[in-house]
PDB file of N, CA and C in Angstrom:
ATOM      1  N   UNK A   1      61.476 113.204 174.258  1.00  0.00           N
ATOM      2  CA  UNK A   1      61.048 112.253 173.262  1.00  0.00           C
ATOM      3  C   UNK A   1      61.914 111.010 173.407  1.00  0.00           C
ATOM      4  N   UNK A   2      61.295 109.850 173.388  1.00  0.00           N
ATOM      5  CA  UNK A   2      62.043 108.599 173.502  1.00  0.00           C
ATOM      6  C   UNK A   2      62.314 108.032 172.124  1.00  0.00           C
ATOM      7  N   UNK A   3      63.345 107.216 172.044  1.00  0.00           N
ATOM      8  CA  UNK A   3      63.661 106.574 170.768  1.00  0.00           C
ATOM      9  C   UNK A   3      62.575 105.564 170.439  1.00  0.00           C
ATOM     10  N   UNK A   4      62.046 105.621 169.206  1.00  0.00           N
ATOM     11  CA  UNK A   4      61.039 104.645 168.827  1.00  0.00           C
ATOM     12  C   UNK A   4      61.660 103.271 168.642  1.00  0.00           C
ATOM     13  N   UNK A   5      60.817 102.265 168.714  1.00  0.00           N
ATOM     14  CA  UNK A   5      61.282 100.894 168.471  1.00  0.00           C
ATOM     15  C   UNK A   5      61.710 100.774 167.022  1.00  0.00           C
ATOM     16  N   UNK A   6      62.731  99.979 166.733  1.00  0.00           N
ATOM     17  CA  UNK A   6      63.157  99.805 165.345  1.00  0.00           C
ATOM     18  C   UNK A   6      62.016  99.252 164.505  1.00  0.00           C
ATOM     19  N   UNK A   7      61.944  99.726 163.284  1.00  0.00           N
ATOM     20  CA  UNK A   7      60.895  99.268 162.381  1.00  0.00           C
ATOM     21  C   UNK A   7      61.381  98.074 161.587  1.00  0.00           C
ATOM     22  N   UNK A   8      60.519  97.101 161.429  1.00  0.00           N
ATOM     23  CA  UNK A   8      60.885  95.907 160.659  1.00  0.00           C
ATOM     24  C   UNK A   8      61.031  96.234 159.183  1.00  0.00           C
ATOM     25  N   UNK A   9      60.412  97.329 158.719  1.00  0.00           N
ATOM     26  CA  UNK A   9      60.423  97.633 157.299  1.00  0.00           C
ATOM     27  C   UNK A   9      61.551  98.531 156.841  1.00  0.00           C
ATOM     28  N   UNK A  10      62.514  98.858 157.705  1.00  0.00           N
ATOM     29  CA  UNK A  10      63.554  99.782 157.292  1.00  0.00           C
ATOM     30  C   UNK A  10      64.561  99.178 156.335  1.00  0.00           C
ATOM     31  N   UNK A  11      64.827  97.899 156.430  1.00  0.00           N
ATOM     32  CA  UNK A  11      65.844  97.318 155.555  1.00  0.00           C
ATOM     33  C   UNK A  11      65.303  97.007 154.168  1.00  0.00           C
ATOM     34  N   UNK A  12      64.060  96.646 154.079  1.00  0.00           N
ATOM     35  CA  UNK A  12      63.467  96.352 152.780  1.00  0.00           C
ATOM     36  C   UNK A  12      61.978  96.610 152.844  1.00  0.00           C
ATOM     37  N   UNK A  13      61.490  97.513 152.022  1.00  0.00           N
ATOM     38  CA  UNK A  13      60.095  97.897 152.105  1.00  0.00           C
ATOM     39  C   UNK A  13      59.318  97.335 150.936  1.00  0.00           C
ATOM     40  N   UNK A  14      58.080  97.060 151.196  1.00  0.00           N
ATOM     41  CA  UNK A  14      57.219  96.612 150.109  1.00  0.00           C
ATOM     42  C   UNK A  14      56.560  97.805 149.427  1.00  0.00           C
ATOM     43  N   UNK A  15      56.894  99.015 149.864  1.00  0.00           N
ATOM     44  CA  UNK A  15      56.343 100.233 149.275  1.00  0.00           C
ATOM     45  C   UNK A  15      57.330 100.830 148.272  1.00  0.00           C
ATOM     46  N   UNK A  16      56.783 101.422 147.218  1.00  0.00           N
ATOM     47  CA  UNK A  16      57.592 102.062 146.180  1.00  0.00           C
ATOM     48  C   UNK A  16      57.095 103.488 145.989  1.00  0.00           C
ATOM     49  N   UNK A  17      58.002 104.389 145.652  1.00  0.00           N
ATOM     50  CA  UNK A  17      57.619 105.728 145.232  1.00  0.00           C
ATOM     51  C   UNK A  17      57.531 105.696 143.717  1.00  0.00           C
ATOM     52  N   UNK A  18      56.327 105.905 143.199  1.00  0.00           N
ATOM     53  CA  UNK A  18      56.126 105.962 141.750  1.00  0.00           C
ATOM     54  C   UNK A  18      56.197 107.418 141.318  1.00  0.00           C
ATOM     55  N   UNK A  19      56.981 107.694 140.302  1.00  0.00           N
ATOM     56  CA  UNK A  19      57.133 109.034 139.748  1.00  0.00           C
ATOM     57  C   UNK A  19      56.749 108.955 138.282  1.00  0.00           C
ATOM     58  N   UNK A  20      55.760 109.725 137.889  1.00  0.00           N
ATOM     59  CA  UNK A  20      55.340 109.786 136.489  1.00  0.00           C
ATOM     60  C   UNK A  20      55.447 111.209 135.990  1.00  0.00           C
ATOM     61  N   UNK A  21      55.996 111.386 134.797  1.00  0.00           N
ATOM     62  CA  UNK A  21      56.179 112.715 134.214  1.00  0.00           C
ATOM     63  C   UNK A  21      55.560 112.714 132.828  1.00  0.00           C
ATOM     64  N   UNK A  22      54.611 113.640 132.615  1.00  0.00           N
ATOM     65  CA  UNK A  22      53.946 113.752 131.312  1.00  0.00           C
ATOM     66  C   UNK A  22      54.159 115.163 130.772  1.00  0.00           C
ATOM     67  N   UNK A  23      54.578 115.254 129.520  1.00  0.00           N
ATOM     68  CA  UNK A  23      54.852 116.562 128.913  1.00  0.00           C
ATOM     69  C   UNK A  23      53.704 117.073 128.075  1.00  0.00           C
ATOM     70  N   UNK A  24      52.642 116.264 127.911  1.00  0.00           N
ATOM     71  CA  UNK A  24      51.491 116.696 127.124  1.00  0.00           C
ATOM     72  C   UNK A  24      50.215 116.272 127.827  1.00  0.00           C
ATOM     73  N   UNK A  25      49.104 116.837 127.386  1.00  0.00           N
ATOM     74  CA  UNK A  25      47.812 116.489 127.983  1.00  0.00           C
ATOM     75  C   UNK A  25      47.467 115.024 127.730  1.00  0.00           C
ATOM     76  N   UNK A  26      47.710 114.544 126.511  1.00  0.00           N
ATOM     77  CA  UNK A  26      47.412 113.130 126.226  1.00  0.00           C
ATOM     78  C   UNK A  26      48.346 112.209 127.014  1.00  0.00           C
ATOM     79  N   UNK A  27      49.594 112.619 127.186  1.00  0.00           N
ATOM     80  CA  UNK A  27      50.522 111.837 127.992  1.00  0.00           C
ATOM     81  C   UNK A  27      50.089 111.787 129.453  1.00  0.00           C
ATOM     82  N   UNK A  28      49.511 112.893 129.956  1.00  0.00           N
ATOM     83  CA  UNK A  28      49.031 112.918 131.324  1.00  0.00           C
ATOM     84  C   UNK A  28      47.817 111.991 131.486  1.00  0.00           C
ATOM     85  N   UNK A  29      46.925 111.999 130.501  1.00  0.00           N
ATOM     86  CA  UNK A  29      45.775 111.091 130.551  1.00  0.00           C
ATOM     87  C   UNK A  29      46.246 109.637 130.573  1.00  0.00           C
ATOM     88  N   UNK A  30      47.235 109.313 129.752  1.00  0.00           N
ATOM     89  CA  UNK A  30      47.791 107.957 129.751  1.00  0.00           C
ATOM     90  C   UNK A  30      48.407 107.622 131.108  1.00  0.00           C
ATOM     91  N   UNK A  31      49.114 108.588 131.686  1.00  0.00           N
ATOM     92  CA  UNK A  31      49.755 108.388 132.976  1.00  0.00           C
ATOM     93  C   UNK A  31      48.723 108.090 134.068  1.00  0.00           C
ATOM     94  N   UNK A  32      47.663 108.884 134.109  1.00  0.00           N
ATOM     95  CA  UNK A  32      46.608 108.663 135.099  1.00  0.00           C
ATOM     96  C   UNK A  32      45.967 107.294 134.891  1.00  0.00           C
ATOM     97  N   UNK A  33      45.689 106.931 133.641  1.00  0.00           N
ATOM     98  CA  UNK A  33      45.100 105.628 133.353  1.00  0.00           C
ATOM     99  C   UNK A  33      46.004 104.485 133.805  1.00  0.00           C
ATOM    100  N   UNK A  34      47.299 104.617 133.568  1.00  0.00           N
ATOM    101  CA  UNK A  34      48.252 103.581 133.994  1.00  0.00           C
ATOM    102  C   UNK A  34      48.201 103.416 135.508  1.00  0.00           C
ATOM    103  N   UNK A  35      48.255 104.533 136.235  1.00  0.00           N
ATOM    104  CA  UNK A  35      48.236 104.462 137.691  1.00  0.00           C
ATOM    105  C   UNK A  35      46.933 103.830 138.182  1.00  0.00           C
ATOM    106  N   UNK A  36      45.794 104.262 137.635  1.00  0.00           N
ATOM    107  CA  UNK A  36      44.505 103.732 138.076  1.00  0.00           C
ATOM    108  C   UNK A  36      44.347 102.259 137.725  1.00  0.00           C
ATOM    109  N   UNK A  37      44.718 101.891 136.495  1.00  0.00           N
ATOM    110  CA  UNK A  37      44.592 100.494 136.062  1.00  0.00           C
ATOM    111  C   UNK A  37      45.493  99.564 136.871  1.00  0.00           C
ATOM    112  N   UNK A  38      46.624 100.099 137.356  1.00  0.00           N
ATOM    113  CA  UNK A  38      47.555  99.292 138.146  1.00  0.00           C
ATOM    114  C   UNK A  38      47.128  99.189 139.607  1.00  0.00           C
ATOM    115  N   UNK A  39      46.105  99.931 139.986  1.00  0.00           N
ATOM    116  CA  UNK A  39      45.640  99.882 141.365  1.00  0.00           C
ATOM    117  C   UNK A  39      46.421 100.768 142.315  1.00  0.00           C
ATOM    118  N   UNK A  40      47.059 101.801 141.783  1.00  0.00           N
ATOM    119  CA  UNK A  40      47.782 102.743 142.635  1.00  0.00           C
ATOM    120  C   UNK A  40      46.738 103.572 143.387  1.00  0.00           C
ATOM    121  N   UNK A  41      46.833 103.595 144.715  1.00  0.00           N
ATOM    122  CA  UNK A  41      45.747 104.137 145.528  1.00  0.00           C
ATOM    123  C   UNK A  41      45.699 105.659 145.694  1.00  0.00           C
ATOM    124  N   UNK A  42      46.193 106.422 144.786  1.00  0.00           N
ATOM    125  CA  UNK A  42      46.139 107.878 144.895  1.00  0.00           C
ATOM    126  C   UNK A  42      47.466 108.489 144.522  1.00  0.00           C
ATOM    127  N   UNK A  43      47.563 109.780 144.661  1.00  0.00           N
ATOM    128  CA  UNK A  43      48.815 110.441 144.323  1.00  0.00           C
ATOM    129  C   UNK A  43      48.684 111.944 144.398  1.00  0.00           C
ATOM    130  N   UNK A  44      49.769 112.607 144.093  1.00  0.00           N
ATOM    131  CA  UNK A  44      49.843 114.062 144.107  1.00  0.00           C
ATOM    132  C   UNK A  44      50.352 114.531 142.754  1.00  0.00           C
ATOM    133  N   UNK A  45      49.685 115.544 142.191  1.00  0.00           N
ATOM    134  CA  UNK A  45      50.094 116.104 140.902  1.00  0.00           C
ATOM    135  C   UNK A  45      50.796 117.432 141.155  1.00  0.00           C
ATOM    136  N   UNK A  46      51.960 117.578 140.536  1.00  0.00           N
ATOM    137  CA  UNK A  46      52.725 118.824 140.617  1.00  0.00           C
ATOM    138  C   UNK A  46      52.839 119.390 139.215  1.00  0.00           C
ATOM    139  N   UNK A  47      52.395 120.632 139.047  1.00  0.00           N
ATOM    140  CA  UNK A  47      52.559 121.325 137.772  1.00  0.00           C
ATOM    141  C   UNK A  47      53.968 121.901 137.744  1.00  0.00           C
ATOM    142  N   UNK A  48      54.702 121.654 136.668  1.00  0.00           N
ATOM    143  CA  UNK A  48      56.080 122.133 136.616  1.00  0.00           C
ATOM    144  C   UNK A  48      56.325 122.959 135.358  1.00  0.00           C
ATOM    145  N   UNK A  49      57.366 123.749 135.414  1.00  0.00           N
ATOM    146  CA  UNK A  49      57.797 124.533 134.264  1.00  0.00           C
ATOM    147  C   UNK A  49      59.167 124.054 133.842  1.00  0.00           C
ATOM    148  N   UNK A  50      59.378 124.036 132.555  1.00  0.00           N
ATOM    149  CA  UNK A  50      60.675 123.624 132.053  1.00  0.00           C
ATOM    150  C   UNK A  50      61.710 124.720 132.191  1.00  0.00           C
ATOM    151  N   UNK A  51      62.952 124.318 132.158  1.00  0.00           N
ATOM    152  CA  UNK A  51      64.043 125.272 132.266  1.00  0.00           C
ATOM    153  C   UNK A  51      64.003 126.303 131.133  1.00  0.00           C
ATOM    154  N   UNK A  52      63.617 125.878 129.941  1.00  0.00           N
ATOM    155  CA  UNK A  52      63.535 126.810 128.806  1.00  0.00           C
ATOM    156  C   UNK A  52      62.552 127.935 129.097  1.00  0.00           C
ATOM    157  N   UNK A  53      61.438 127.618 129.714  1.00  0.00           N
ATOM    158  CA  UNK A  53      60.442 128.623 130.061  1.00  0.00           C
ATOM    159  C   UNK A  53      60.999 129.621 131.073  1.00  0.00           C
ATOM    160  N   UNK A  54      61.707 129.136 132.049  1.00  0.00           N
ATOM    161  CA  UNK A  54      62.284 130.017 133.061  1.00  0.00           C
ATOM    162  C   UNK A  54      63.353 130.915 132.443  1.00  0.00           C
ATOM    163  N   UNK A  55      64.184 130.344 131.579  1.00  0.00           N
ATOM    164  CA  UNK A  55      65.211 131.154 130.906  1.00  0.00           C
ATOM    165  C   UNK A  55      64.577 132.272 130.092  1.00  0.00           C
ATOM    166  N   UNK A  56      63.507 131.938 129.374  1.00  0.00           N
ATOM    167  CA  UNK A  56      62.857 132.909 128.506  1.00  0.00           C
ATOM    168  C   UNK A  56      62.179 134.015 129.308  1.00  0.00           C
ATOM    169  N   UNK A  57      61.491 133.655 130.385  1.00  0.00           N
ATOM    170  CA  UNK A  57      60.639 134.610 131.077  1.00  0.00           C
ATOM    171  C   UNK A  57      61.305 135.322 132.254  1.00  0.00           C
ATOM    172  N   UNK A  58      62.249 134.695 132.905  1.00  0.00           N
ATOM    173  CA  UNK A  58      62.756 135.265 134.147  1.00  0.00           C
ATOM    174  C   UNK A  58      64.232 135.660 134.114  1.00  0.00           C
ATOM    175  N   UNK A  59      64.951 135.236 133.114  1.00  0.00           N
ATOM    176  CA  UNK A  59      66.369 135.573 133.027  1.00  0.00           C
ATOM    177  C   UNK A  59      66.632 136.294 131.705  1.00  0.00           C
ATOM    178  N   UNK A  60      66.451 137.609 131.715  1.00  0.00           N
ATOM    179  CA  UNK A  60      66.539 138.367 130.456  1.00  0.00           C
ATOM    180  C   UNK A  60      67.889 138.261 129.752  1.00  0.00           C
ATOM    181  N   UNK A  61      68.918 137.902 130.458  1.00  0.00           N
ATOM    182  CA  UNK A  61      70.226 137.760 129.819  1.00  0.00           C
ATOM    183  C   UNK A  61      70.184 136.688 128.734  1.00  0.00           C
ATOM    184  N   UNK A  62      69.257 135.735 128.854  1.00  0.00           N
ATOM    185  CA  UNK A  62      69.132 134.663 127.878  1.00  0.00           C
ATOM    186  C   UNK A  62      68.037 134.922 126.844  1.00  0.00           C
ATOM    187  N   UNK A  63      67.476 136.124 126.810  1.00  0.00           N
ATOM    188  CA  UNK A  63      66.359 136.407 125.909  1.00  0.00           C
ATOM    189  C   UNK A  63      66.741 136.212 124.446  1.00  0.00           C
ATOM    190  N   UNK A  64      67.987 136.371 124.104  1.00  0.00           N
ATOM    191  CA  UNK A  64      68.429 136.148 122.728  1.00  0.00           C
ATOM    192  C   UNK A  64      68.298 134.702 122.298  1.00  0.00           C
ATOM    193  N   UNK A  65      68.229 133.808 123.256  1.00  0.00           N
ATOM    194  CA  UNK A  65      68.075 132.385 122.949  1.00  0.00           C
ATOM    195  C   UNK A  65      66.616 131.972 122.769  1.00  0.00           C
ATOM    196  N   UNK A  66      65.682 132.888 122.993  1.00  0.00           N
ATOM    197  CA  UNK A  66      64.253 132.551 122.975  1.00  0.00           C
ATOM    198  C   UNK A  66      63.834 131.886 121.665  1.00  0.00           C
ATOM    199  N   UNK A  67      64.409 132.311 120.564  1.00  0.00           N
ATOM    200  CA  UNK A  67      64.028 131.723 119.272  1.00  0.00           C
ATOM    201  C   UNK A  67      64.460 130.265 119.166  1.00  0.00           C
ATOM    202  N   UNK A  68      65.460 129.873 119.909  1.00  0.00           N
ATOM    203  CA  UNK A  68      65.956 128.506 119.861  1.00  0.00           C
ATOM    204  C   UNK A  68      65.219 127.570 120.824  1.00  0.00           C
ATOM    205  N   UNK A  69      64.451 128.136 121.750  1.00  0.00           N
ATOM    206  CA  UNK A  69      63.785 127.349 122.783  1.00  0.00           C
ATOM    207  C   UNK A  69      62.360 127.019 122.375  1.00  0.00           C
ATOM    208  N   UNK A  70      61.828 125.906 122.828  1.00  0.00           N
ATOM    209  CA  UNK A  70      60.449 125.572 122.510  1.00  0.00           C
ATOM    210  C   UNK A  70      59.492 126.615 123.079  1.00  0.00           C
ATOM    211  N   UNK A  71      58.380 126.848 122.380  1.00  0.00           N
ATOM    212  CA  UNK A  71      57.412 127.856 122.807  1.00  0.00           C
ATOM    213  C   UNK A  71      56.789 127.497 124.152  1.00  0.00           C
ATOM    214  N   UNK A  72      56.502 126.248 124.357  1.00  0.00           N
ATOM    215  CA  UNK A  72      55.902 125.818 125.617  1.00  0.00           C
ATOM    216  C   UNK A  72      56.744 124.695 126.194  1.00  0.00           C
ATOM    217  N   UNK A  73      57.041 124.827 127.449  1.00  0.00           N
ATOM    218  CA  UNK A  73      57.768 123.745 128.103  1.00  0.00           C
ATOM    219  C   UNK A  73      57.225 123.599 129.510  1.00  0.00           C
ATOM    220  N   UNK A  74      57.200 122.408 129.971  1.00  0.00           N
ATOM    221  CA  UNK A  74      56.688 122.120 131.290  1.00  0.00           C
ATOM    222  C   UNK A  74      56.063 120.742 131.273  1.00  0.00           C
ATOM    223  N   UNK A  75      55.630 120.327 132.425  1.00  0.00           N
ATOM    224  CA  UNK A  75      55.053 118.995 132.512  1.00  0.00           C
ATOM    225  C   UNK A  75      54.205 118.893 133.766  1.00  0.00           C
ATOM    226  N   UNK A  76      53.572 117.758 133.902  1.00  0.00           N
ATOM    227  CA  UNK A  76      52.871 117.408 135.127  1.00  0.00           C
ATOM    228  C   UNK A  76      53.575 116.193 135.701  1.00  0.00           C
ATOM    229  N   UNK A  77      53.839 116.263 136.987  1.00  0.00           N
ATOM    230  CA  UNK A  77      54.512 115.177 137.682  1.00  0.00           C
ATOM    231  C   UNK A  77      53.505 114.556 138.640  1.00  0.00           C
ATOM    232  N   UNK A  78      53.343 113.254 138.550  1.00  0.00           N
ATOM    233  CA  UNK A  78      52.436 112.522 139.423  1.00  0.00           C
ATOM    234  C   UNK A  78      53.280 111.655 140.350  1.00  0.00           C
ATOM    235  N   UNK A  79      53.131 111.872 141.657  1.00  0.00           N
ATOM    236  CA  UNK A  79      53.871 111.122 142.676  1.00  0.00           C
ATOM    237  C   UNK A  79      52.894 110.283 143.476  1.00  0.00           C
ATOM    238  N   UNK A  80      53.252 109.049 143.756  1.00  0.00           N
ATOM    239  CA  UNK A  80      52.395 108.184 144.561  1.00  0.00           C
ATOM    240  C   UNK A  80      53.242 107.151 145.281  1.00  0.00           C
ATOM    241  N   UNK A  81      52.811 106.788 146.471  1.00  0.00           N
ATOM    242  CA  UNK A  81      53.405 105.666 147.191  1.00  0.00           C
ATOM    243  C   UNK A  81      52.466 104.491 146.988  1.00  0.00           C
ATOM    244  N   UNK A  82      53.031 103.390 146.511  1.00  0.00           N
ATOM    245  CA  UNK A  82      52.210 102.242 146.153  1.00  0.00           C
ATOM    246  C   UNK A  82      52.894 100.952 146.575  1.00  0.00           C
ATOM    247  N   UNK A  83      52.121  99.907 146.767  1.00  0.00           N
ATOM    248  CA  UNK A  83      52.728  98.597 147.014  1.00  0.00           C
ATOM    249  C   UNK A  83      53.609  98.197 145.823  1.00  0.00           C
ATOM    250  N   UNK A  84      54.635  97.422 146.090  1.00  0.00           N
ATOM    251  CA  UNK A  84      55.571  97.021 145.034  1.00  0.00           C
ATOM    252  C   UNK A  84      54.858  96.338 143.868  1.00  0.00           C
ATOM    253  N   UNK A  85      53.851  95.528 144.145  1.00  0.00           N
ATOM    254  CA  UNK A  85      53.135  94.832 143.072  1.00  0.00           C
ATOM    255  C   UNK A  85      52.420  95.819 142.158  1.00  0.00           C
ATOM    256  N   UNK A  86      51.804  96.856 142.732  1.00  0.00           N
ATOM    257  CA  UNK A  86      51.121  97.867 141.922  1.00  0.00           C
ATOM    258  C   UNK A  86      52.126  98.671 141.108  1.00  0.00           C
ATOM    259  N   UNK A  87      53.295  98.975 141.690  1.00  0.00           N
ATOM    260  CA  UNK A  87      54.335  99.708 140.962  1.00  0.00           C
ATOM    261  C   UNK A  87      54.840  98.886 139.775  1.00  0.00           C
ATOM    262  N   UNK A  88      55.057  97.602 139.981  1.00  0.00           N
ATOM    263  CA  UNK A  88      55.505  96.725 138.889  1.00  0.00           C
ATOM    264  C   UNK A  88      54.454  96.677 137.781  1.00  0.00           C
ATOM    265  N   UNK A  89      53.191  96.602 138.176  1.00  0.00           N
ATOM    266  CA  UNK A  89      52.108  96.569 137.186  1.00  0.00           C
ATOM    267  C   UNK A  89      52.063  97.878 136.402  1.00  0.00           C
ATOM    268  N   UNK A  90      52.219  99.008 137.076  1.00  0.00           N
ATOM    269  CA  UNK A  90      52.216 100.307 136.396  1.00  0.00           C
ATOM    270  C   UNK A  90      53.343 100.391 135.370  1.00  0.00           C
ATOM    271  N   UNK A  91      54.536  99.931 135.734  1.00  0.00           N
ATOM    272  CA  UNK A  91      55.657  99.948 134.793  1.00  0.00           C
ATOM    273  C   UNK A  91      55.383  99.044 133.597  1.00  0.00           C
ATOM    274  N   UNK A  92      54.801  97.884 133.834  1.00  0.00           N
ATOM    275  CA  UNK A  92      54.471  96.964 132.745  1.00  0.00           C
ATOM    276  C   UNK A  92      53.436  97.583 131.805  1.00  0.00           C
ATOM    277  N   UNK A  93      52.403  98.221 132.370  1.00  0.00           N
ATOM    278  CA  UNK A  93      51.386  98.885 131.543  1.00  0.00           C
ATOM    279  C   UNK A  93      52.001 100.030 130.732  1.00  0.00           C
ATOM    280  N   UNK A  94      52.902 100.795 131.354  1.00  0.00           N
ATOM    281  CA  UNK A  94      53.516 101.936 130.659  1.00  0.00           C
ATOM    282  C   UNK A  94      54.343 101.476 129.465  1.00  0.00           C
ATOM    283  N   UNK A  95      55.017 100.340 129.596  1.00  0.00           N
ATOM    284  CA  UNK A  95      55.828  99.823 128.474  1.00  0.00           C
ATOM    285  C   UNK A  95      54.970  99.459 127.265  1.00  0.00           C
ATOM    286  N   UNK A  96      53.683  99.230 127.482  1.00  0.00           N
ATOM    287  CA  UNK A  96      52.786  98.851 126.390  1.00  0.00           C
ATOM    288  C   UNK A  96      52.229 100.058 125.642  1.00  0.00           C
ATOM    289  N   UNK A  97      52.454 101.269 126.152  1.00  0.00           N
ATOM    290  CA  UNK A  97      51.950 102.478 125.502  1.00  0.00           C
ATOM    291  C   UNK A  97      52.795 102.811 124.273  1.00  0.00           C
ATOM    292  N   UNK A  98      52.200 103.505 123.286  1.00  0.00           N
ATOM    293  CA  UNK A  98      52.995 103.929 122.128  1.00  0.00           C
ATOM    294  C   UNK A  98      54.142 104.842 122.560  1.00  0.00           C
ATOM    295  N   UNK A  99      55.305 104.606 122.025  1.00  0.00           N
ATOM    296  CA  UNK A  99      56.499 105.343 122.431  1.00  0.00           C
ATOM    297  C   UNK A  99      56.426 106.831 122.096  1.00  0.00           C
ATOM    298  N   UNK A 100      55.640 107.226 121.116  1.00  0.00           N
ATOM    299  CA  UNK A 100      55.618 108.613 120.660  1.00  0.00           C
ATOM    300  C   UNK A 100      55.156 109.605 121.728  1.00  0.00           C
ATOM    301  N   UNK A 101      54.261 109.198 122.607  1.00  0.00           N
ATOM    302  CA  UNK A 101      53.751 110.117 123.621  1.00  0.00           C
ATOM    303  C   UNK A 101      53.739 109.463 125.001  1.00  0.00           C
ATOM    304  N   UNK A 102      54.609 108.494 125.199  1.00  0.00           N
ATOM    305  CA  UNK A 102      54.656 107.741 126.449  1.00  0.00           C
ATOM    306  C   UNK A 102      55.196 108.622 127.574  1.00  0.00           C
ATOM    307  N   UNK A 103      54.504 108.666 128.713  1.00  0.00           N
ATOM    308  CA  UNK A 103      55.056 109.398 129.849  1.00  0.00           C
ATOM    309  C   UNK A 103      56.248 108.660 130.439  1.00  0.00           C
ATOM    310  N   UNK A 104      57.050 109.374 131.181  1.00  0.00           N
ATOM    311  CA  UNK A 104      58.179 108.769 131.881  1.00  0.00           C
ATOM    312  C   UNK A 104      57.660 108.267 133.220  1.00  0.00           C
ATOM    313  N   UNK A 105      57.958 107.026 133.551  1.00  0.00           N
ATOM    314  CA  UNK A 105      57.533 106.471 134.830  1.00  0.00           C
ATOM    315  C   UNK A 105      58.721 105.729 135.442  1.00  0.00           C
ATOM    316  N   UNK A 106      58.948 105.987 136.730  1.00  0.00           N
ATOM    317  CA  UNK A 106      60.008 105.298 137.461  1.00  0.00           C
ATOM    318  C   UNK A 106      59.466 104.895 138.824  1.00  0.00           C
ATOM    319  N   UNK A 107      59.992 103.796 139.345  1.00  0.00           N
ATOM    320  CA  UNK A 107      59.624 103.332 140.678  1.00  0.00           C
ATOM    321  C   UNK A 107      60.895 103.215 141.505  1.00  0.00           C
ATOM    322  N   UNK A 108      60.858 103.798 142.685  1.00  0.00           N
ATOM    323  CA  UNK A 108      62.008 103.765 143.587  1.00  0.00           C
ATOM    324  C   UNK A 108      61.594 103.091 144.893  1.00  0.00           C
ATOM    325  N   UNK A 109      62.388 102.140 145.363  1.00  0.00           N
ATOM    326  CA  UNK A 109      62.049 101.487 146.631  1.00  0.00           C
ATOM    327  C   UNK A 109      62.197 102.462 147.791  1.00  0.00           C
ATOM    328  N   UNK A 110      61.315 102.358 148.739  1.00  0.00           N
ATOM    329  CA  UNK A 110      61.394 103.188 149.940  1.00  0.00           C
ATOM    330  C   UNK A 110      62.078 102.369 151.026  1.00  0.00           C
ATOM    331  N   UNK A 111      63.226 102.838 151.480  1.00  0.00           N
ATOM    332  CA  UNK A 111      63.969 102.118 152.517  1.00  0.00           C
ATOM    333  C   UNK A 111      63.257 102.212 153.847  1.00  0.00           C
ATOM    334  N   UNK A 112      62.511 103.245 154.042  1.00  0.00           N
ATOM    335  CA  UNK A 112      61.746 103.441 155.257  1.00  0.00           C
ATOM    336  C   UNK A 112      60.812 104.593 155.043  1.00  0.00           C
ATOM    337  N   UNK A 113      59.710 104.600 155.733  1.00  0.00           N
ATOM    338  CA  UNK A 113      58.763 105.695 155.571  1.00  0.00           C
ATOM    339  C   UNK A 113      57.919 105.806 156.824  1.00  0.00           C
ATOM    340  N   UNK A 114      57.342 106.960 156.980  1.00  0.00           N
ATOM    341  CA  UNK A 114      56.385 107.192 158.043  1.00  0.00           C
ATOM    342  C   UNK A 114      55.089 107.555 157.345  1.00  0.00           C
ATOM    343  N   UNK A 115      54.124 106.690 157.418  1.00  0.00           N
ATOM    344  CA  UNK A 115      52.847 106.874 156.765  1.00  0.00           C
ATOM    345  C   UNK A 115      51.748 107.062 157.802  1.00  0.00           C
ATOM    346  N   UNK A 116      50.671 107.726 157.444  1.00  0.00           N
ATOM    347  CA  UNK A 116      49.560 107.851 158.390  1.00  0.00           C
ATOM    348  C   UNK A 116      49.129 106.458 158.852  1.00  0.00           C
ATOM    349  N   UNK A 117      48.902 106.337 160.112  1.00  0.00           N
ATOM    350  CA  UNK A 117      48.475 105.044 160.659  1.00  0.00           C
ATOM    351  C   UNK A 117      49.612 104.162 161.108  1.00  0.00           C
ATOM    352  N   UNK A 118      50.859 104.562 160.836  1.00  0.00           N
ATOM    353  CA  UNK A 118      52.024 103.748 161.289  1.00  0.00           C
ATOM    354  C   UNK A 118      52.190 103.895 162.780  1.00  0.00           C
TER     355      UNK A 118
END
């Protein structure tokens, strides 16, 4: 294998990794709407379980704490790679949502990436 030519986009990329976390169904709907309205071109949804759920169900040593833990814990995580402009728009739209059920959204710059078609 030969060394590839240096990429012009390694020092500063116009792509961002958008991470959205919703803890409720309505929060997930808001999250999807934010991504779509911002023009984010797709993404991957990961179903997750909260630590409280794992403690309750899989670590019996902590079963005595079950009464102190929420009955349901977990979230949906939406990951997408998007142009910086779309990521900025998504963050701006998210700030306009009511704080009571607002999903968590963060954008991280990609220093370099290998995407299909590169």
